[in-house]
N, C-alpha and C. Protein backbone atom coordinates (compact mmCIF):
# COMPACT_ATOMS: atom_id res chain seq x y z
N MET A 1 0.83 -1.21 0.00
CA MET A 1 0.00 0.00 0.00
C MET A 1 0.86 1.25 0.00
N ALA A 2 0.23 2.37 -0.38
CA ALA A 2 0.93 3.66 -0.36
C ALA A 2 1.06 4.14 1.09
N PRO A 3 2.01 5.01 1.37
CA PRO A 3 2.22 5.47 2.74
C PRO A 3 1.11 6.37 3.26
N VAL A 4 1.05 6.44 4.59
CA VAL A 4 0.12 7.30 5.31
C VAL A 4 0.95 8.26 6.14
N PHE A 5 0.67 9.55 6.01
CA PHE A 5 1.42 10.57 6.75
C PHE A 5 0.49 11.26 7.75
N LEU A 6 0.84 11.17 9.03
CA LEU A 6 0.05 11.73 10.11
C LEU A 6 0.81 12.92 10.70
N PHE A 7 0.26 14.11 10.53
CA PHE A 7 0.96 15.33 10.90
C PHE A 7 0.48 15.92 12.22
N ASP A 8 1.44 16.37 13.00
CA ASP A 8 1.18 17.29 14.11
C ASP A 8 0.84 18.65 13.49
N ILE A 9 0.26 19.55 14.29
CA ILE A 9 -0.10 20.88 13.76
C ILE A 9 0.87 21.97 14.24
N ASP A 10 0.84 22.27 15.53
CA ASP A 10 1.59 23.43 16.04
C ASP A 10 3.09 23.21 15.96
N ASN A 11 3.78 24.14 15.34
CA ASN A 11 5.23 24.14 15.14
C ASN A 11 5.70 23.07 14.16
N THR A 12 4.75 22.35 13.56
CA THR A 12 5.08 21.41 12.49
C THR A 12 4.51 21.92 11.17
N LEU A 13 3.19 22.10 11.13
CA LEU A 13 2.54 22.68 9.95
C LEU A 13 2.53 24.19 10.01
N LEU A 14 2.34 24.72 11.20
CA LEU A 14 2.16 26.17 11.34
C LEU A 14 2.55 26.64 12.72
N TYR A 15 2.77 27.95 12.81
CA TYR A 15 2.98 28.63 14.10
C TYR A 15 1.86 29.64 14.23
N SER A 16 1.04 29.49 15.26
CA SER A 16 -0.16 30.34 15.40
C SER A 16 0.13 31.65 16.11
N GLY A 17 1.38 31.90 16.48
CA GLY A 17 1.69 33.10 17.23
C GLY A 17 1.21 33.02 18.67
N GLY A 18 0.98 31.81 19.15
CA GLY A 18 0.49 31.63 20.50
C GLY A 18 -1.01 31.83 20.64
N ALA A 19 -1.73 31.79 19.52
CA ALA A 19 -3.17 32.02 19.56
C ALA A 19 -3.90 30.98 20.40
N GLY A 20 -3.48 29.74 20.29
CA GLY A 20 -4.14 28.68 21.04
C GLY A 20 -3.99 28.85 22.54
N SER A 21 -2.77 29.05 22.99
CA SER A 21 -2.55 29.21 24.43
C SER A 21 -3.20 30.48 24.95
N HIS A 22 -3.20 31.54 24.14
CA HIS A 22 -3.85 32.79 24.54
C HIS A 22 -5.35 32.58 24.73
N ALA A 23 -6.00 31.92 23.77
CA ALA A 23 -7.43 31.69 23.87
C ALA A 23 -7.76 30.72 25.01
N MET A 24 -6.91 29.74 25.23
CA MET A 24 -7.13 28.83 26.35
C MET A 24 -7.03 29.56 27.69
N ASN A 25 -6.06 30.45 27.80
CA ASN A 25 -5.92 31.23 29.03
C ASN A 25 -7.13 32.12 29.27
N MET A 26 -7.64 32.74 28.22
CA MET A 26 -8.82 33.58 28.37
C MET A 26 -10.03 32.76 28.79
N ALA A 27 -10.19 31.57 28.18
CA ALA A 27 -11.31 30.70 28.52
C ALA A 27 -11.20 30.25 29.97
N PHE A 28 -10.00 29.93 30.42
CA PHE A 28 -9.79 29.49 31.80
C PHE A 28 -10.11 30.62 32.78
N HIS A 29 -9.71 31.83 32.42
CA HIS A 29 -9.98 32.99 33.27
C HIS A 29 -11.48 33.25 33.36
N GLU A 30 -12.17 33.16 32.23
CA GLU A 30 -13.62 33.38 32.23
C GLU A 30 -14.34 32.34 33.08
N LEU A 31 -13.86 31.12 33.04
CA LEU A 31 -14.54 30.03 33.72
C LEU A 31 -14.19 29.94 35.20
N PHE A 32 -12.92 30.21 35.54
CA PHE A 32 -12.47 29.99 36.91
C PHE A 32 -11.93 31.24 37.60
N GLY A 33 -11.82 32.35 36.87
CA GLY A 33 -11.32 33.57 37.47
C GLY A 33 -9.83 33.56 37.75
N VAL A 34 -9.10 32.67 37.08
CA VAL A 34 -7.66 32.54 37.27
C VAL A 34 -6.93 33.10 36.06
N SER A 35 -6.07 34.09 36.29
CA SER A 35 -5.28 34.66 35.20
C SER A 35 -4.07 33.79 34.92
N ASP A 36 -3.73 33.64 33.65
CA ASP A 36 -2.57 32.85 33.24
C ASP A 36 -2.60 31.46 33.87
N GLY A 37 -3.75 30.82 33.73
CA GLY A 37 -3.98 29.54 34.39
C GLY A 37 -3.10 28.40 33.93
N PHE A 38 -2.46 28.55 32.77
CA PHE A 38 -1.63 27.48 32.24
C PHE A 38 -0.13 27.78 32.35
N ALA A 39 0.21 28.77 33.17
CA ALA A 39 1.59 29.24 33.23
C ALA A 39 2.59 28.14 33.58
N ARG A 40 2.18 27.20 34.42
CA ARG A 40 3.10 26.16 34.87
C ARG A 40 2.90 24.84 34.13
N VAL A 41 2.15 24.87 33.05
CA VAL A 41 1.85 23.64 32.32
C VAL A 41 2.67 23.58 31.04
N GLU A 42 3.30 22.43 30.81
CA GLU A 42 4.04 22.23 29.57
C GLU A 42 3.07 22.02 28.42
N PHE A 43 3.19 22.84 27.37
CA PHE A 43 2.34 22.72 26.20
C PHE A 43 3.00 21.88 25.10
N SER A 44 4.28 22.04 24.93
CA SER A 44 4.97 21.47 23.77
C SER A 44 4.85 19.95 23.73
N GLY A 45 4.18 19.47 22.68
CA GLY A 45 4.05 18.04 22.47
C GLY A 45 2.97 17.38 23.30
N ARG A 46 2.26 18.14 24.13
CA ARG A 46 1.24 17.58 25.00
C ARG A 46 -0.15 17.68 24.36
N THR A 47 -1.06 16.85 24.85
CA THR A 47 -2.43 16.92 24.34
C THR A 47 -3.20 17.99 25.11
N ASP A 48 -4.21 18.58 24.46
CA ASP A 48 -5.03 19.59 25.13
C ASP A 48 -5.74 19.01 26.35
N ARG A 49 -6.10 17.74 26.29
CA ARG A 49 -6.70 17.08 27.45
C ARG A 49 -5.73 17.08 28.62
N TYR A 50 -4.48 16.74 28.36
CA TYR A 50 -3.44 16.76 29.40
C TYR A 50 -3.25 18.17 29.94
N ILE A 51 -3.19 19.14 29.04
CA ILE A 51 -2.95 20.53 29.44
C ILE A 51 -4.06 21.03 30.35
N LEU A 52 -5.31 20.76 30.00
CA LEU A 52 -6.43 21.16 30.84
C LEU A 52 -6.40 20.42 32.17
N HIS A 53 -6.15 19.13 32.13
CA HIS A 53 -6.06 18.32 33.34
C HIS A 53 -5.02 18.88 34.31
N GLU A 54 -3.84 19.22 33.79
CA GLU A 54 -2.77 19.72 34.63
C GLU A 54 -3.08 21.10 35.20
N ALA A 55 -3.73 21.95 34.43
CA ALA A 55 -4.10 23.28 34.93
C ALA A 55 -5.13 23.17 36.05
N LEU A 56 -6.12 22.32 35.88
CA LEU A 56 -7.13 22.12 36.92
C LEU A 56 -6.49 21.56 38.18
N ARG A 57 -5.62 20.59 38.03
CA ARG A 57 -4.95 19.99 39.17
C ARG A 57 -4.04 21.01 39.86
N GLY A 58 -3.31 21.78 39.07
CA GLY A 58 -2.38 22.74 39.63
C GLY A 58 -3.05 23.85 40.43
N HIS A 59 -4.30 24.17 40.07
CA HIS A 59 -5.03 25.22 40.77
C HIS A 59 -6.03 24.66 41.78
N GLY A 60 -5.94 23.36 42.04
CA GLY A 60 -6.79 22.75 43.05
C GLY A 60 -8.27 22.77 42.71
N ILE A 61 -8.59 22.75 41.42
CA ILE A 61 -9.99 22.77 40.99
C ILE A 61 -10.47 21.32 40.89
N GLU A 62 -11.40 20.96 41.73
CA GLU A 62 -11.83 19.58 41.85
C GLU A 62 -12.87 19.20 40.79
N GLY A 63 -12.93 17.93 40.52
CA GLY A 63 -13.94 17.43 39.59
C GLY A 63 -13.37 16.81 38.34
N GLY A 64 -12.09 17.12 38.02
CA GLY A 64 -11.47 16.51 36.85
C GLY A 64 -11.86 17.19 35.55
N TRP A 65 -11.09 16.87 34.52
CA TRP A 65 -11.28 17.55 33.24
C TRP A 65 -12.63 17.21 32.61
N GLU A 66 -13.16 16.00 32.86
CA GLU A 66 -14.43 15.61 32.25
C GLU A 66 -15.56 16.55 32.68
N ARG A 67 -15.53 16.96 33.93
CA ARG A 67 -16.59 17.82 34.46
C ARG A 67 -16.65 19.16 33.74
N TYR A 68 -15.47 19.67 33.35
CA TYR A 68 -15.41 21.02 32.81
C TYR A 68 -15.15 21.07 31.31
N LEU A 69 -14.95 19.91 30.69
CA LEU A 69 -14.51 19.90 29.29
C LEU A 69 -15.47 20.63 28.36
N GLU A 70 -16.75 20.34 28.44
CA GLU A 70 -17.70 20.92 27.50
C GLU A 70 -17.76 22.44 27.63
N GLU A 71 -17.84 22.93 28.85
CA GLU A 71 -17.93 24.38 29.04
C GLU A 71 -16.62 25.07 28.67
N PHE A 72 -15.50 24.45 29.05
CA PHE A 72 -14.21 25.04 28.71
C PHE A 72 -14.01 25.11 27.20
N THR A 73 -14.25 23.99 26.51
CA THR A 73 -14.01 23.98 25.07
C THR A 73 -14.98 24.91 24.34
N SER A 74 -16.20 25.04 24.82
CA SER A 74 -17.15 25.96 24.20
C SER A 74 -16.61 27.39 24.24
N ARG A 75 -16.07 27.78 25.38
CA ARG A 75 -15.49 29.13 25.51
C ARG A 75 -14.22 29.26 24.68
N TYR A 76 -13.39 28.24 24.72
CA TYR A 76 -12.14 28.24 23.97
C TYR A 76 -12.40 28.38 22.47
N TYR A 77 -13.33 27.60 21.93
CA TYR A 77 -13.62 27.65 20.50
C TYR A 77 -14.22 29.00 20.10
N ALA A 78 -14.95 29.63 20.99
CA ALA A 78 -15.53 30.94 20.69
C ALA A 78 -14.45 32.02 20.63
N LEU A 79 -13.39 31.84 21.42
CA LEU A 79 -12.32 32.85 21.51
C LEU A 79 -11.20 32.64 20.48
N LEU A 80 -11.02 31.40 20.04
CA LEU A 80 -9.87 31.09 19.19
C LEU A 80 -9.86 31.81 17.84
N PRO A 81 -10.97 31.94 17.11
CA PRO A 81 -10.88 32.61 15.81
C PRO A 81 -10.34 34.03 15.90
N ALA A 82 -10.77 34.80 16.89
CA ALA A 82 -10.26 36.17 17.04
C ALA A 82 -8.79 36.15 17.40
N ALA A 83 -8.38 35.21 18.25
CA ALA A 83 -6.97 35.11 18.62
C ALA A 83 -6.11 34.78 17.40
N LEU A 84 -6.62 33.92 16.53
CA LEU A 84 -5.88 33.58 15.31
C LEU A 84 -5.73 34.79 14.40
N ARG A 85 -6.77 35.61 14.33
CA ARG A 85 -6.69 36.81 13.49
C ARG A 85 -5.74 37.85 14.08
N GLU A 86 -5.70 37.94 15.40
CA GLU A 86 -4.93 39.00 16.06
C GLU A 86 -3.44 38.67 16.17
N ARG A 87 -3.11 37.40 16.28
CA ARG A 87 -1.72 37.00 16.48
C ARG A 87 -0.97 36.89 15.16
N GLN A 88 0.31 37.16 15.20
CA GLN A 88 1.14 37.10 14.00
C GLN A 88 1.69 35.69 13.83
N GLY A 89 0.94 34.85 13.17
CA GLY A 89 1.37 33.49 12.92
C GLY A 89 1.85 33.31 11.50
N ARG A 90 2.20 32.07 11.16
CA ARG A 90 2.70 31.79 9.81
C ARG A 90 2.68 30.30 9.56
N LEU A 91 2.70 29.93 8.30
CA LEU A 91 2.94 28.55 7.92
C LEU A 91 4.41 28.23 8.09
N MET A 92 4.71 27.01 8.44
CA MET A 92 6.09 26.59 8.54
C MET A 92 6.67 26.39 7.13
N PRO A 93 8.01 26.47 7.00
CA PRO A 93 8.63 26.34 5.67
C PRO A 93 8.19 25.07 4.95
N GLY A 94 7.86 25.23 3.67
CA GLY A 94 7.51 24.09 2.84
C GLY A 94 6.04 23.76 2.76
N PHE A 95 5.22 24.51 3.51
CA PHE A 95 3.78 24.27 3.47
C PHE A 95 3.07 25.47 2.84
N PRO A 96 2.08 25.20 1.97
CA PRO A 96 1.48 23.91 1.66
C PRO A 96 2.11 23.07 0.55
N PRO A 97 3.19 23.51 -0.13
CA PRO A 97 3.68 22.70 -1.25
C PRO A 97 3.95 21.24 -0.93
N LEU A 98 4.49 20.94 0.25
CA LEU A 98 4.76 19.54 0.59
C LEU A 98 3.46 18.74 0.65
N LEU A 99 2.43 19.32 1.26
CA LEU A 99 1.14 18.64 1.33
C LEU A 99 0.54 18.45 -0.06
N GLU A 100 0.69 19.46 -0.87
CA GLU A 100 0.18 19.39 -2.24
C GLU A 100 0.86 18.25 -2.99
N ALA A 101 2.17 18.16 -2.86
CA ALA A 101 2.92 17.11 -3.56
C ALA A 101 2.52 15.73 -3.06
N LEU A 102 2.44 15.55 -1.76
CA LEU A 102 2.10 14.24 -1.21
C LEU A 102 0.67 13.84 -1.56
N SER A 103 -0.24 14.80 -1.53
CA SER A 103 -1.64 14.49 -1.78
C SER A 103 -1.92 14.08 -3.22
N HIS A 104 -1.00 14.43 -4.13
CA HIS A 104 -1.19 14.07 -5.53
C HIS A 104 -0.57 12.71 -5.88
N GLU A 105 0.07 12.07 -4.89
CA GLU A 105 0.61 10.73 -5.12
C GLU A 105 -0.49 9.70 -4.98
N ALA A 106 -0.56 8.79 -5.90
CA ALA A 106 -1.62 7.78 -5.91
C ALA A 106 -1.63 6.99 -4.61
N GLY A 107 -2.78 6.95 -3.97
CA GLY A 107 -2.97 6.14 -2.78
C GLY A 107 -2.49 6.73 -1.48
N VAL A 108 -1.71 7.80 -1.53
CA VAL A 108 -1.19 8.41 -0.30
C VAL A 108 -2.33 9.00 0.51
N ARG A 109 -2.30 8.78 1.82
CA ARG A 109 -3.30 9.36 2.72
C ARG A 109 -2.63 10.32 3.69
N LEU A 110 -3.28 11.46 3.92
CA LEU A 110 -2.80 12.45 4.87
C LEU A 110 -3.80 12.56 6.02
N GLY A 111 -3.29 12.50 7.23
CA GLY A 111 -4.13 12.63 8.41
C GLY A 111 -3.44 13.45 9.47
N LEU A 112 -4.08 13.57 10.60
CA LEU A 112 -3.56 14.35 11.71
C LEU A 112 -3.29 13.46 12.91
N ALA A 113 -2.22 13.75 13.62
CA ALA A 113 -1.95 13.17 14.93
C ALA A 113 -1.54 14.36 15.80
N THR A 114 -2.54 15.05 16.32
CA THR A 114 -2.32 16.33 16.96
C THR A 114 -2.83 16.36 18.39
N GLY A 115 -2.14 17.10 19.23
CA GLY A 115 -2.59 17.30 20.59
C GLY A 115 -3.74 18.28 20.70
N ASN A 116 -4.07 18.96 19.63
CA ASN A 116 -5.17 19.91 19.63
C ASN A 116 -6.52 19.21 19.80
N PHE A 117 -7.43 19.85 20.54
CA PHE A 117 -8.82 19.43 20.48
C PHE A 117 -9.26 19.49 19.01
N SER A 118 -10.16 18.59 18.62
CA SER A 118 -10.50 18.45 17.21
C SER A 118 -11.04 19.74 16.59
N GLU A 119 -11.89 20.47 17.30
CA GLU A 119 -12.44 21.70 16.74
C GLU A 119 -11.38 22.78 16.65
N ALA A 120 -10.47 22.83 17.62
CA ALA A 120 -9.36 23.78 17.56
C ALA A 120 -8.46 23.47 16.37
N ALA A 121 -8.23 22.18 16.11
CA ALA A 121 -7.45 21.78 14.95
C ALA A 121 -8.10 22.29 13.67
N ARG A 122 -9.40 22.10 13.56
CA ARG A 122 -10.12 22.56 12.37
C ARG A 122 -9.99 24.06 12.20
N LEU A 123 -10.19 24.80 13.27
CA LEU A 123 -10.12 26.27 13.20
C LEU A 123 -8.74 26.74 12.78
N LYS A 124 -7.71 26.14 13.34
CA LYS A 124 -6.34 26.54 12.98
C LYS A 124 -6.05 26.21 11.52
N LEU A 125 -6.39 25.00 11.09
CA LEU A 125 -6.10 24.60 9.71
C LEU A 125 -6.90 25.43 8.70
N GLU A 126 -8.14 25.73 9.01
CA GLU A 126 -8.93 26.57 8.11
C GLU A 126 -8.36 27.99 8.03
N HIS A 127 -7.94 28.53 9.17
CA HIS A 127 -7.37 29.88 9.18
C HIS A 127 -6.13 29.95 8.29
N TYR A 128 -5.33 28.90 8.29
CA TYR A 128 -4.08 28.91 7.52
C TYR A 128 -4.19 28.20 6.17
N GLY A 129 -5.41 27.84 5.77
CA GLY A 129 -5.64 27.31 4.44
C GLY A 129 -5.14 25.90 4.20
N LEU A 130 -5.11 25.07 5.26
CA LEU A 130 -4.60 23.71 5.11
C LEU A 130 -5.66 22.63 5.33
N ALA A 131 -6.86 23.01 5.71
CA ALA A 131 -7.86 22.02 6.13
C ALA A 131 -8.18 21.01 5.04
N GLN A 132 -8.12 21.42 3.79
CA GLN A 132 -8.56 20.54 2.70
C GLN A 132 -7.64 19.34 2.49
N TYR A 133 -6.46 19.37 3.08
CA TYR A 133 -5.51 18.28 2.85
C TYR A 133 -5.73 17.08 3.78
N PHE A 134 -6.52 17.28 4.83
CA PHE A 134 -6.60 16.25 5.87
C PHE A 134 -8.01 15.72 6.04
N LYS A 135 -8.08 14.40 6.21
CA LYS A 135 -9.35 13.74 6.48
C LYS A 135 -9.18 12.83 7.69
N GLY A 136 -9.58 13.34 8.84
CA GLY A 136 -9.55 12.52 10.05
C GLY A 136 -8.18 12.43 10.69
N GLY A 137 -8.16 11.65 11.77
CA GLY A 137 -6.92 11.48 12.52
C GLY A 137 -7.20 11.30 13.99
N GLY A 138 -6.22 11.65 14.82
CA GLY A 138 -6.34 11.57 16.27
C GLY A 138 -6.21 12.95 16.86
N PHE A 139 -6.96 13.22 17.94
CA PHE A 139 -7.04 14.57 18.48
C PHE A 139 -6.89 14.60 20.00
N GLY A 140 -6.67 15.81 20.51
CA GLY A 140 -6.25 16.00 21.89
C GLY A 140 -7.25 15.65 22.96
N GLU A 141 -8.53 15.55 22.64
CA GLU A 141 -9.51 15.19 23.66
C GLU A 141 -9.53 13.69 23.94
N GLU A 142 -8.82 12.92 23.13
CA GLU A 142 -8.94 11.47 23.20
C GLU A 142 -8.05 10.80 24.22
N SER A 143 -7.01 11.48 24.67
CA SER A 143 -6.07 10.83 25.59
C SER A 143 -5.23 11.87 26.33
N LEU A 144 -4.87 11.55 27.56
CA LEU A 144 -3.90 12.38 28.26
C LEU A 144 -2.53 12.24 27.62
N GLU A 145 -2.25 11.06 27.09
CA GLU A 145 -0.94 10.76 26.50
C GLU A 145 -1.00 10.82 24.98
N ARG A 146 0.06 11.32 24.41
CA ARG A 146 0.09 11.48 22.96
C ARG A 146 0.06 10.14 22.23
N SER A 147 0.58 9.11 22.86
CA SER A 147 0.57 7.80 22.21
C SER A 147 -0.85 7.34 21.94
N GLY A 148 -1.79 7.71 22.83
CA GLY A 148 -3.19 7.37 22.61
C GLY A 148 -3.78 8.10 21.42
N VAL A 149 -3.37 9.35 21.24
CA VAL A 149 -3.82 10.13 20.08
C VAL A 149 -3.31 9.50 18.79
N VAL A 150 -2.05 9.11 18.79
CA VAL A 150 -1.48 8.47 17.60
C VAL A 150 -2.18 7.14 17.33
N ARG A 151 -2.49 6.41 18.38
CA ARG A 151 -3.20 5.14 18.20
C ARG A 151 -4.55 5.36 17.51
N SER A 152 -5.26 6.40 17.94
CA SER A 152 -6.55 6.73 17.31
C SER A 152 -6.35 7.16 15.86
N ALA A 153 -5.29 7.94 15.61
CA ALA A 153 -5.02 8.40 14.25
C ALA A 153 -4.73 7.24 13.31
N ILE A 154 -3.96 6.28 13.79
CA ILE A 154 -3.64 5.11 12.98
C ILE A 154 -4.91 4.32 12.67
N LYS A 155 -5.75 4.16 13.67
CA LYS A 155 -6.99 3.39 13.49
C LYS A 155 -7.90 4.04 12.46
N ARG A 156 -8.01 5.38 12.51
CA ARG A 156 -8.94 6.08 11.63
C ARG A 156 -8.37 6.35 10.23
N ALA A 157 -7.13 6.76 10.18
CA ALA A 157 -6.59 7.26 8.92
C ALA A 157 -5.65 6.29 8.22
N ALA A 158 -5.20 5.26 8.92
CA ALA A 158 -4.19 4.38 8.34
C ALA A 158 -4.63 2.93 8.29
N GLY A 159 -5.92 2.68 8.30
CA GLY A 159 -6.42 1.32 8.28
C GLY A 159 -5.90 0.52 7.10
N GLY A 160 -5.34 -0.64 7.38
CA GLY A 160 -4.82 -1.50 6.32
C GLY A 160 -3.36 -1.29 5.99
N ALA A 161 -2.79 -0.18 6.45
CA ALA A 161 -1.37 0.09 6.16
C ALA A 161 -0.47 -0.69 7.11
N ARG A 162 0.66 -1.14 6.60
CA ARG A 162 1.65 -1.79 7.45
C ARG A 162 2.36 -0.73 8.29
N PRO A 163 2.88 -1.08 9.48
CA PRO A 163 3.56 -0.10 10.32
C PRO A 163 4.66 0.67 9.60
N ALA A 164 5.38 0.01 8.71
CA ALA A 164 6.47 0.67 7.99
C ALA A 164 5.96 1.69 6.99
N GLU A 165 4.65 1.68 6.73
CA GLU A 165 4.05 2.62 5.78
C GLU A 165 3.38 3.80 6.48
N VAL A 166 3.41 3.83 7.81
CA VAL A 166 2.75 4.89 8.57
C VAL A 166 3.82 5.80 9.17
N PHE A 167 3.76 7.09 8.81
CA PHE A 167 4.74 8.08 9.25
C PHE A 167 4.06 9.11 10.15
N VAL A 168 4.57 9.25 11.37
CA VAL A 168 4.09 10.28 12.29
C VAL A 168 5.10 11.42 12.27
N ILE A 169 4.63 12.61 11.90
CA ILE A 169 5.52 13.75 11.67
C ILE A 169 5.25 14.84 12.69
N GLY A 170 6.27 15.18 13.49
CA GLY A 170 6.09 16.21 14.49
C GLY A 170 7.40 16.84 14.93
N ASP A 171 7.30 17.85 15.78
CA ASP A 171 8.46 18.66 16.14
C ASP A 171 8.99 18.41 17.55
N THR A 172 8.41 17.47 18.29
CA THR A 172 8.84 17.27 19.68
C THR A 172 9.21 15.81 19.94
N PRO A 173 9.97 15.56 21.00
CA PRO A 173 10.24 14.18 21.40
C PRO A 173 8.97 13.40 21.73
N HIS A 174 7.92 14.09 22.16
CA HIS A 174 6.65 13.41 22.43
C HIS A 174 6.05 12.84 21.14
N ASP A 175 6.18 13.57 20.04
CA ASP A 175 5.72 13.05 18.75
C ASP A 175 6.51 11.79 18.39
N VAL A 176 7.81 11.88 18.60
CA VAL A 176 8.69 10.75 18.27
C VAL A 176 8.34 9.54 19.12
N SER A 177 8.27 9.72 20.44
CA SER A 177 8.01 8.59 21.33
C SER A 177 6.63 7.98 21.08
N SER A 178 5.66 8.81 20.74
CA SER A 178 4.31 8.29 20.48
C SER A 178 4.30 7.41 19.23
N ALA A 179 5.09 7.78 18.23
CA ALA A 179 5.21 6.94 17.04
C ALA A 179 5.90 5.63 17.38
N LEU A 180 6.99 5.71 18.13
CA LEU A 180 7.73 4.51 18.49
C LEU A 180 6.88 3.56 19.33
N GLU A 181 6.10 4.11 20.25
CA GLU A 181 5.24 3.28 21.10
C GLU A 181 4.18 2.54 20.29
N ASN A 182 3.81 3.10 19.15
CA ASN A 182 2.82 2.47 18.28
C ASN A 182 3.45 1.67 17.15
N GLY A 183 4.77 1.59 17.14
CA GLY A 183 5.46 0.75 16.18
C GLY A 183 5.47 1.26 14.76
N VAL A 184 5.33 2.60 14.59
CA VAL A 184 5.34 3.18 13.24
C VAL A 184 6.55 4.08 13.08
N VAL A 185 6.69 4.70 11.92
CA VAL A 185 7.88 5.49 11.59
C VAL A 185 7.78 6.89 12.21
N ALA A 186 8.80 7.25 12.97
CA ALA A 186 8.86 8.56 13.62
C ALA A 186 9.67 9.52 12.76
N VAL A 187 9.06 10.65 12.41
CA VAL A 187 9.73 11.69 11.61
C VAL A 187 9.76 12.97 12.42
N GLY A 188 10.95 13.46 12.72
CA GLY A 188 11.10 14.70 13.46
C GLY A 188 11.43 15.85 12.54
N VAL A 189 10.87 17.02 12.83
CA VAL A 189 11.21 18.24 12.09
C VAL A 189 11.51 19.33 13.12
N ALA A 190 12.68 19.95 13.00
CA ALA A 190 13.18 20.85 14.03
C ALA A 190 12.71 22.29 13.82
N THR A 191 11.40 22.46 13.69
CA THR A 191 10.84 23.80 13.51
C THR A 191 10.16 24.29 14.78
N GLY A 192 10.29 23.54 15.86
CA GLY A 192 9.71 23.95 17.14
C GLY A 192 10.79 24.29 18.14
N ASN A 193 10.67 23.74 19.34
CA ASN A 193 11.58 24.07 20.43
C ASN A 193 12.73 23.07 20.58
N TYR A 194 12.80 22.10 19.70
CA TYR A 194 13.81 21.06 19.83
C TYR A 194 14.68 21.01 18.58
N THR A 195 15.95 20.72 18.79
CA THR A 195 16.90 20.66 17.67
C THR A 195 16.80 19.32 16.96
N ALA A 196 17.39 19.28 15.78
CA ALA A 196 17.44 18.03 15.04
C ALA A 196 18.16 16.96 15.85
N ALA A 197 19.23 17.34 16.53
CA ALA A 197 19.99 16.39 17.35
C ALA A 197 19.12 15.82 18.47
N GLU A 198 18.32 16.66 19.10
CA GLU A 198 17.44 16.19 20.18
C GLU A 198 16.38 15.24 19.66
N LEU A 199 15.84 15.53 18.50
CA LEU A 199 14.84 14.65 17.91
C LEU A 199 15.46 13.31 17.49
N ARG A 200 16.67 13.38 17.00
CA ARG A 200 17.38 12.15 16.62
C ARG A 200 17.68 11.33 17.87
N GLN A 201 18.10 12.01 18.93
CA GLN A 201 18.39 11.32 20.18
C GLN A 201 17.14 10.67 20.77
N ALA A 202 15.98 11.28 20.52
CA ALA A 202 14.72 10.73 21.01
C ALA A 202 14.32 9.46 20.27
N GLY A 203 14.98 9.21 19.13
CA GLY A 203 14.73 7.97 18.41
C GLY A 203 14.08 8.12 17.05
N ALA A 204 13.98 9.36 16.54
CA ALA A 204 13.34 9.56 15.24
C ALA A 204 14.08 8.80 14.14
N HIS A 205 13.31 8.15 13.28
CA HIS A 205 13.90 7.42 12.16
C HIS A 205 14.40 8.37 11.07
N LEU A 206 13.66 9.44 10.86
CA LEU A 206 14.04 10.48 9.90
C LEU A 206 13.97 11.82 10.61
N VAL A 207 14.90 12.72 10.30
CA VAL A 207 14.91 14.05 10.91
C VAL A 207 15.19 15.09 9.84
N PHE A 208 14.40 16.15 9.84
CA PHE A 208 14.58 17.27 8.93
C PHE A 208 14.78 18.55 9.74
N ALA A 209 15.65 19.42 9.24
CA ALA A 209 15.77 20.74 9.88
C ALA A 209 14.47 21.50 9.69
N ASP A 210 13.93 21.42 8.49
CA ASP A 210 12.61 21.97 8.14
C ASP A 210 12.23 21.37 6.79
N PHE A 211 11.09 21.81 6.26
CA PHE A 211 10.65 21.29 4.97
C PHE A 211 10.75 22.35 3.87
N ALA A 212 11.67 23.30 4.04
CA ALA A 212 11.82 24.35 3.05
C ALA A 212 12.09 23.76 1.65
N ASP A 213 12.95 22.77 1.58
CA ASP A 213 13.17 22.06 0.32
C ASP A 213 12.12 20.94 0.25
N TRP A 214 10.90 21.33 -0.04
CA TRP A 214 9.78 20.39 0.02
C TRP A 214 9.87 19.29 -1.03
N GLN A 215 10.50 19.59 -2.15
CA GLN A 215 10.65 18.56 -3.19
C GLN A 215 11.55 17.43 -2.73
N ALA A 216 12.69 17.79 -2.12
CA ALA A 216 13.59 16.78 -1.59
C ALA A 216 12.92 16.03 -0.43
N ALA A 217 12.20 16.77 0.41
CA ALA A 217 11.52 16.12 1.54
C ALA A 217 10.48 15.13 1.06
N ALA A 218 9.74 15.49 0.02
CA ALA A 218 8.72 14.60 -0.52
C ALA A 218 9.36 13.31 -1.04
N LYS A 219 10.47 13.43 -1.74
CA LYS A 219 11.17 12.24 -2.25
C LYS A 219 11.63 11.35 -1.12
N THR A 220 12.18 11.96 -0.07
CA THR A 220 12.64 11.17 1.06
C THR A 220 11.50 10.44 1.75
N LEU A 221 10.41 11.17 2.00
CA LEU A 221 9.25 10.58 2.67
C LEU A 221 8.61 9.48 1.84
N LEU A 222 8.67 9.62 0.53
CA LEU A 222 8.09 8.62 -0.37
C LEU A 222 9.06 7.49 -0.70
N GLY A 223 10.28 7.57 -0.15
CA GLY A 223 11.26 6.51 -0.34
C GLY A 223 11.88 6.47 -1.70
N ARG A 224 12.09 7.65 -2.28
CA ARG A 224 12.65 7.70 -3.64
C ARG A 224 14.08 8.21 -3.64
């Protein structure tokens, strides 16, 4: 079968200028009256479910993320479009040409393996003009751990593909480890907070500085 490519969003496909964390902080403040509620929470490579869980725990808010998920995400989704418009974000090097090239290969499937809540993923991709390239995947509400998100992405978007044909592409060691835990190909791209050396040390099978040379990247990913 043709390969399946499962992409992370933030710092892999695009940089939102911090729109997501800004909107999440505003939603948290509206709901709980806490300013900068996520200040002590690691965002990079984490799922939104984990991020919300840790913020609630850190501020001693009882009831767990399930109790507050619907109300929190409703506020977050209402605030995110304006945050995306106001923040100075950008597409990462090589996008959308790399997606365009891969999507035109016979049988190739493109999906998402993102820590973003599914609606936040849609809003970000639509804002940056990438939504049309992806059909399904795994999202941040599905698991505290990124490996669970990747597992869901494989089930939905990579059905029938052999592990060697499934590529998880992201910018953090969490992306790499989640691919390795699921027995698929880990691809690191050093466009976030981690260097190529750090991603390689985490166990990535393939590592790119970025996808600026999208033609060469496409050939490598397609095994040519």
